[in-house]
C-alpha atoms as a PDB file:
ATOM      1  CA  UNK A   1     113.275  90.710 121.319  1.00  0.00           C
ATOM      2  CA  UNK A   2     109.979  90.954 119.517  1.00  0.00           C
ATOM      3  CA  UNK A   3     107.605  88.243 118.409  1.00  0.00           C
ATOM      4  CA  UNK A   4     106.972  88.865 114.709  1.00  0.00           C
ATOM      5  CA  UNK A   5     105.815  85.415 113.587  1.00  0.00           C
ATOM      6  CA  UNK A   6     103.031  83.042 114.542  1.00  0.00           C
ATOM      7  CA  UNK A   7     102.896  79.377 113.608  1.00  0.00           C
ATOM      8  CA  UNK A   8      99.331  78.157 113.184  1.00  0.00           C
ATOM      9  CA  UNK A   9      99.078  74.383 112.666  1.00  0.00           C
ATOM     10  CA  UNK A  10      96.042  73.643 110.470  1.00  0.00           C
ATOM     11  CA  UNK A  11      96.930  70.188 109.137  1.00  0.00           C
ATOM     12  CA  UNK A  12      94.497  68.229 111.291  1.00  0.00           C
ATOM     13  CA  UNK A  13      91.836  65.997 109.777  1.00  0.00           C
ATOM     14  CA  UNK A  14      88.887  67.676 111.504  1.00  0.00           C
ATOM     15  CA  UNK A  15      87.296  64.346 112.404  1.00  0.00           C
ATOM     16  CA  UNK A  16      85.200  65.821 115.244  1.00  0.00           C
ATOM     17  CA  UNK A  17      83.258  67.865 112.673  1.00  0.00           C
ATOM     18  CA  UNK A  18      82.602  65.166 110.075  1.00  0.00           C
ATOM     19  CA  UNK A  19      80.820  65.116 107.671  1.00  0.00           C
ATOM     20  CA  UNK A  20      81.176  68.918 107.306  1.00  0.00           C
ATOM     21  CA  UNK A  21      84.977  68.674 107.266  1.00  0.00           C
ATOM     22  CA  UNK A  22      85.186  65.964 104.633  1.00  0.00           C
ATOM     23  CA  UNK A  23      85.639  68.664 101.969  1.00  0.00           C
ATOM     24  CA  UNK A  24      85.892  71.916 103.956  1.00  0.00           C
ATOM     25  CA  UNK A  25      88.746  72.466 106.437  1.00  0.00           C
ATOM     26  CA  UNK A  26      87.368  72.942 109.957  1.00  0.00           C
ATOM     27  CA  UNK A  27      89.302  76.218 110.198  1.00  0.00           C
ATOM     28  CA  UNK A  28      87.089  77.604 107.420  1.00  0.00           C
ATOM     29  CA  UNK A  29      83.858  76.698 109.181  1.00  0.00           C
ATOM     30  CA  UNK A  30      82.188  79.977 110.109  1.00  0.00           C
ATOM     31  CA  UNK A  31      81.392  81.375 113.483  1.00  0.00           C
ATOM     32  CA  UNK A  32      78.375  83.460 112.504  1.00  0.00           C
ATOM     33  CA  UNK A  33      79.697  84.620 109.102  1.00  0.00           C
ATOM     34  CA  UNK A  34      83.481  84.653 109.576  1.00  0.00           C
ATOM     35  CA  UNK A  35      85.738  81.585 109.290  1.00  0.00           C
ATOM     36  CA  UNK A  36      87.263  80.677 112.664  1.00  0.00           C
ATOM     37  CA  UNK A  37      90.786  80.966 111.217  1.00  0.00           C
ATOM     38  CA  UNK A  38      90.173  84.628 110.430  1.00  0.00           C
ATOM     39  CA  UNK A  39      89.499  85.364 114.111  1.00  0.00           C
ATOM     40  CA  UNK A  40      92.799  83.703 115.043  1.00  0.00           C
ATOM     41  CA  UNK A  41      94.784  85.595 112.396  1.00  0.00           C
ATOM     42  CA  UNK A  42      93.128  88.891 113.359  1.00  0.00           C
ATOM     43  CA  UNK A  43      94.054  88.293 117.003  1.00  0.00           C
ATOM     44  CA  UNK A  44      97.675  87.705 115.967  1.00  0.00           C
ATOM     45  CA  UNK A  45      97.752  90.851 113.835  1.00  0.00           C
ATOM     46  CA  UNK A  46      96.216  92.889 116.661  1.00  0.00           C
ATOM     47  CA  UNK A  47      99.035  91.652 118.931  1.00  0.00           C
ATOM     48  CA  UNK A  48     101.664  93.010 116.521  1.00  0.00           C
ATOM     49  CA  UNK A  49     102.507  89.744 114.786  1.00  0.00           C
ATOM     50  CA  UNK A  50     103.530  90.455 111.197  1.00  0.00           C
ATOM     51  CA  UNK A  51     103.837  87.025 109.577  1.00  0.00           C
ATOM     52  CA  UNK A  52     101.546  84.015 109.772  1.00  0.00           C
ATOM     53  CA  UNK A  53     102.990  80.588 109.047  1.00  0.00           C
ATOM     54  CA  UNK A  54     100.325  77.991 108.372  1.00  0.00           C
ATOM     55  CA  UNK A  55     101.368  74.372 108.743  1.00  0.00           C
ATOM     56  CA  UNK A  56      98.946  72.743 106.334  1.00  0.00           C
ATOM     57  CA  UNK A  57      98.036  69.293 105.188  1.00  0.00           C
ATOM     58  CA  UNK A  58      96.273  67.704 102.255  1.00  0.00           C
ATOM     59  CA  UNK A  59      93.074  69.530 101.284  1.00  0.00           C
ATOM     60  CA  UNK A  60      93.860  72.674 103.266  1.00  0.00           C
ATOM     61  CA  UNK A  61      94.702  75.027 100.358  1.00  0.00           C
ATOM     62  CA  UNK A  62      91.502  76.977 100.958  1.00  0.00           C
ATOM     63  CA  UNK A  63      92.896  78.348 104.224  1.00  0.00           C
ATOM     64  CA  UNK A  64      95.775  80.098 102.499  1.00  0.00           C
ATOM     65  CA  UNK A  65      93.451  81.109  99.646  1.00  0.00           C
ATOM     66  CA  UNK A  66      91.156  82.828 102.152  1.00  0.00           C
ATOM     67  CA  UNK A  67      93.934  85.329 102.919  1.00  0.00           C
ATOM     68  CA  UNK A  68      94.976  85.809  99.280  1.00  0.00           C
ATOM     69  CA  UNK A  69      93.756  88.283  96.695  1.00  0.00           C
ATOM     70  CA  UNK A  70      90.850  87.234  94.471  1.00  0.00           C
ATOM     71  CA  UNK A  71      90.990  89.640  91.491  1.00  0.00           C
ATOM     72  CA  UNK A  72      88.403  87.820  89.369  1.00  0.00           C
ATOM     73  CA  UNK A  73      85.878  87.685  92.206  1.00  0.00           C
ATOM     74  CA  UNK A  74      86.593  91.296  93.140  1.00  0.00           C
ATOM     75  CA  UNK A  75      85.998  92.389  89.536  1.00  0.00           C
ATOM     76  CA  UNK A  76      82.656  90.577  89.343  1.00  0.00           C
ATOM     77  CA  UNK A  77      81.574  92.106  92.648  1.00  0.00           C
ATOM     78  CA  UNK A  78      82.740  95.575  91.545  1.00  0.00           C
ATOM     79  CA  UNK A  79      80.779  95.227  88.298  1.00  0.00           C
ATOM     80  CA  UNK A  80      77.698  94.444  90.393  1.00  0.00           C
ATOM     81  CA  UNK A  81      78.261  97.557  92.511  1.00  0.00           C
ATOM     82  CA  UNK A  82      79.199  95.608  95.645  1.00  0.00           C
ATOM     83  CA  UNK A  83      82.116  97.849  96.597  1.00  0.00           C
ATOM     84  CA  UNK A  84      81.718  97.251 100.351  1.00  0.00           C
ATOM     85  CA  UNK A  85      82.206  93.514  99.798  1.00  0.00           C
ATOM     86  CA  UNK A  86      85.245  94.173  97.597  1.00  0.00           C
ATOM     87  CA  UNK A  87      86.725  96.388 100.336  1.00  0.00           C
ATOM     88  CA  UNK A  88      86.146  93.637 102.929  1.00  0.00           C
ATOM     89  CA  UNK A  89      87.895  91.040 100.749  1.00  0.00           C
ATOM     90  CA  UNK A  90      90.849  93.359 100.222  1.00  0.00           C
ATOM     91  CA  UNK A  91      91.172  94.032 103.968  1.00  0.00           C
ATOM     92  CA  UNK A  92      91.372  90.284 104.587  1.00  0.00           C
ATOM     93  CA  UNK A  93      94.045  89.864 101.871  1.00  0.00           C
ATOM     94  CA  UNK A  94      96.067  92.793 103.250  1.00  0.00           C
ATOM     95  CA  UNK A  95      95.777  91.709 106.888  1.00  0.00           C
ATOM     96  CA  UNK A  96      99.256  90.179 107.089  1.00  0.00           C
ATOM     97  CA  UNK A  97     101.870  88.195 105.203  1.00  0.00           C
ATOM     98  CA  UNK A  98     100.851  84.543 105.009  1.00  0.00           C
ATOM     99  CA  UNK A  99     103.147  81.656 104.117  1.00  0.00           C
ATOM    100  CA  UNK A 100     102.652  77.944 104.498  1.00  0.00           C
ATOM    101  CA  UNK A 101     104.571  74.737 104.865  1.00  0.00           C
ATOM    102  CA  UNK A 102     103.174  71.225 104.460  1.00  0.00           C
ATOM    103  CA  UNK A 103     103.046  68.584 107.181  1.00  0.00           C
ATOM    104  CA  UNK A 104     103.007  65.490 104.994  1.00  0.00           C
ATOM    105  CA  UNK A 105     101.952  63.038 107.704  1.00  0.00           C
ATOM    106  CA  UNK A 106      99.730  63.737 110.719  1.00  0.00           C
ATOM    107  CA  UNK A 107     102.383  63.207 113.389  1.00  0.00           C
ATOM    108  CA  UNK A 108     100.988  65.541 116.030  1.00  0.00           C
ATOM    109  CA  UNK A 109     101.223  69.135 117.162  1.00  0.00           C
ATOM    110  CA  UNK A 110     104.906  69.072 118.083  1.00  0.00           C
ATOM    111  CA  UNK A 111     105.827  67.761 114.668  1.00  0.00           C
ATOM    112  CA  UNK A 112     103.611  70.376 112.998  1.00  0.00           C
ATOM    113  CA  UNK A 113     105.455  73.176 114.817  1.00  0.00           C
ATOM    114  CA  UNK A 114     108.783  71.563 113.893  1.00  0.00           C
ATOM    115  CA  UNK A 115     107.736  71.675 110.218  1.00  0.00           C
ATOM    116  CA  UNK A 116     107.846  75.490 110.453  1.00  0.00           C
ATOM    117  CA  UNK A 117     111.413  75.549 111.794  1.00  0.00           C
ATOM    118  CA  UNK A 118     113.049  76.814 108.577  1.00  0.00           C
ATOM    119  CA  UNK A 119     110.502  79.622 108.218  1.00  0.00           C
ATOM    120  CA  UNK A 120     110.805  80.688 111.864  1.00  0.00           C
ATOM    121  CA  UNK A 121     114.587  80.601 112.073  1.00  0.00           C
ATOM    122  CA  UNK A 122     116.177  81.494 115.410  1.00  0.00           C
ATOM    123  CA  UNK A 123     113.694  84.154 116.464  1.00  0.00           C
ATOM    124  CA  UNK A 124     110.978  83.865 119.084  1.00  0.00           C
ATOM    125  CA  UNK A 125     107.531  83.015 117.744  1.00  0.00           C
ATOM    126  CA  UNK A 126     103.978  82.322 118.851  1.00  0.00           C
ATOM    127  CA  UNK A 127     102.037  79.122 118.310  1.00  0.00           C
ATOM    128  CA  UNK A 128      98.316  79.617 117.927  1.00  0.00           C
ATOM    129  CA  UNK A 129      95.713  76.917 117.522  1.00  0.00           C
ATOM    130  CA  UNK A 130      92.831  77.664 115.191  1.00  0.00           C
ATOM    131  CA  UNK A 131      90.332  75.772 117.301  1.00  0.00           C
ATOM    132  CA  UNK A 132      91.148  77.647 120.509  1.00  0.00           C
ATOM    133  CA  UNK A 133      89.159  80.858 120.443  1.00  0.00           C
ATOM    134  CA  UNK A 134      89.475  82.871 123.639  1.00  0.00           C
ATOM    135  CA  UNK A 135      86.944  85.589 124.367  1.00  0.00           C
ATOM    136  CA  UNK A 136      88.827  88.004 126.598  1.00  0.00           C
ATOM    137  CA  UNK A 137      88.935  91.739 127.091  1.00  0.00           C
ATOM    138  CA  UNK A 138      92.661  91.580 126.352  1.00  0.00           C
ATOM    139  CA  UNK A 139      93.208  88.907 123.665  1.00  0.00           C
ATOM    140  CA  UNK A 140      95.116  85.853 124.881  1.00  0.00           C
ATOM    141  CA  UNK A 141      98.021  86.100 122.438  1.00  0.00           C
ATOM    142  CA  UNK A 142      98.474  89.784 123.231  1.00  0.00           C
ATOM    143  CA  UNK A 143      98.801  88.906 126.927  1.00  0.00           C
ATOM    144  CA  UNK A 144     101.347  86.189 126.145  1.00  0.00           C
ATOM    145  CA  UNK A 145     103.370  88.473 123.865  1.00  0.00           C
ATOM    146  CA  UNK A 146     103.446  91.107 126.614  1.00  0.00           C
ATOM    147  CA  UNK A 147     104.664  88.593 129.211  1.00  0.00           C
ATOM    148  CA  UNK A 148     107.340  87.357 126.790  1.00  0.00           C
ATOM    149  CA  UNK A 149     108.462  90.934 126.135  1.00  0.00           C
ATOM    150  CA  UNK A 150     108.841  91.509 129.889  1.00  0.00           C
ATOM    151  CA  UNK A 151     110.512  88.208 130.783  1.00  0.00           C
ATOM    152  CA  UNK A 152     112.130  87.025 127.520  1.00  0.00           C
ATOM    153  CA  UNK A 153     111.124  83.509 128.592  1.00  0.00           C
ATOM    154  CA  UNK A 154     108.808  81.008 126.955  1.00  0.00           C
ATOM    155  CA  UNK A 155     105.173  81.488 127.943  1.00  0.00           C
ATOM    156  CA  UNK A 156     102.264  79.079 127.626  1.00  0.00           C
ATOM    157  CA  UNK A 157      98.564  79.729 128.189  1.00  0.00           C
ATOM    158  CA  UNK A 158      97.002  77.061 130.359  1.00  0.00           C
ATOM    159  CA  UNK A 159      93.507  75.990 131.263  1.00  0.00           C
ATOM    160  CA  UNK A 160      92.515  74.064 134.367  1.00  0.00           C
ATOM    161  CA  UNK A 161      90.535  70.926 133.659  1.00  0.00           C
ATOM    162  CA  UNK A 162      88.886  68.500 136.059  1.00  0.00           C
ATOM    163  CA  UNK A 163      91.180  65.625 137.016  1.00  0.00           C
ATOM    164  CA  UNK A 164      88.834  63.078 135.397  1.00  0.00           C
ATOM    165  CA  UNK A 165      89.241  64.890 132.035  1.00  0.00           C
ATOM    166  CA  UNK A 166      93.059  65.186 132.085  1.00  0.00           C
ATOM    167  CA  UNK A 167      93.407  62.201 129.731  1.00  0.00           C
ATOM    168  CA  UNK A 168      91.729  64.302 126.989  1.00  0.00           C
ATOM    169  CA  UNK A 169      94.353  67.071 127.142  1.00  0.00           C
ATOM    170  CA  UNK A 170      98.057  67.700 127.075  1.00  0.00           C
ATOM    171  CA  UNK A 171      99.557  68.166 130.521  1.00  0.00           C
ATOM    172  CA  UNK A 172     102.325  70.548 131.502  1.00  0.00           C
ATOM    173  CA  UNK A 173     104.632  70.918 134.449  1.00  0.00           C
ATOM    174  CA  UNK A 174     106.511  74.165 134.922  1.00  0.00           C
ATOM    175  CA  UNK A 175     106.610  77.497 136.671  1.00  0.00           C
ATOM    176  CA  UNK A 176     103.133  78.951 136.978  1.00  0.00           C
ATOM    177  CA  UNK A 177     102.302  82.582 137.474  1.00  0.00           C
ATOM    178  CA  UNK A 178      99.677  83.094 140.105  1.00  0.00           C
ATOM    179  CA  UNK A 179      96.889  85.498 139.236  1.00  0.00           C
ATOM    180  CA  UNK A 180      98.596  88.233 141.282  1.00  0.00           C
ATOM    181  CA  UNK A 181     101.894  87.789 139.421  1.00  0.00           C
ATOM    182  CA  UNK A 182     100.224  87.610 136.019  1.00  0.00           C
ATOM    183  CA  UNK A 183      98.207  90.762 136.778  1.00  0.00           C
ATOM    184  CA  UNK A 184     101.344  92.898 136.581  1.00  0.00           C
ATOM    185  CA  UNK A 185     101.622  91.853 132.927  1.00  0.00           C
ATOM    186  CA  UNK A 186      98.028  92.707 132.030  1.00  0.00           C
ATOM    187  CA  UNK A 187      97.735  95.458 129.474  1.00  0.00           C
ATOM    188  CA  UNK A 188      95.629  98.577 130.089  1.00  0.00           C
ATOM    189  CA  UNK A 189      92.108  98.320 128.739  1.00  0.00           C
ATOM    190  CA  UNK A 190      91.743 101.938 127.609  1.00  0.00           C
END
């Protein structure tokens, strides 16, 4: 079995970044000069994922537009001799197939993933969160896809948090790989 699809819930209200997110989705806020959502999609593509399913909400059309073609803009830039910028925009549009489904009410992450059920079907898929950027030699989703390929079992990335902060996070109980066990699934770095 191969993971070909990633569900990326982007329907949240972005209240932690107000007032910036009143009119701009937080996923389009840049890290240096690239929207954070582009890093997440690029990580998925680099892990072999072929289709991105955005679960959007009201006011989030710009996220899907970011990964779409912009012929009028490209023509204006080409007329100005900005071919490198045109090439960059085309690479973003050609990165992967993007589809979206609307989460009409903000009913949480589980509900957002459930909204993508008809687009995912019965195949395995990844869930990626656009506000979780992981700086790792081997990208996080690539590691998870590799473990899934080996075990054909559900895999979740976890982060330890101090006990006094647990109330701010989701909590999970399940089988944990110890670092030694997980190391056998690490991909070569060369």
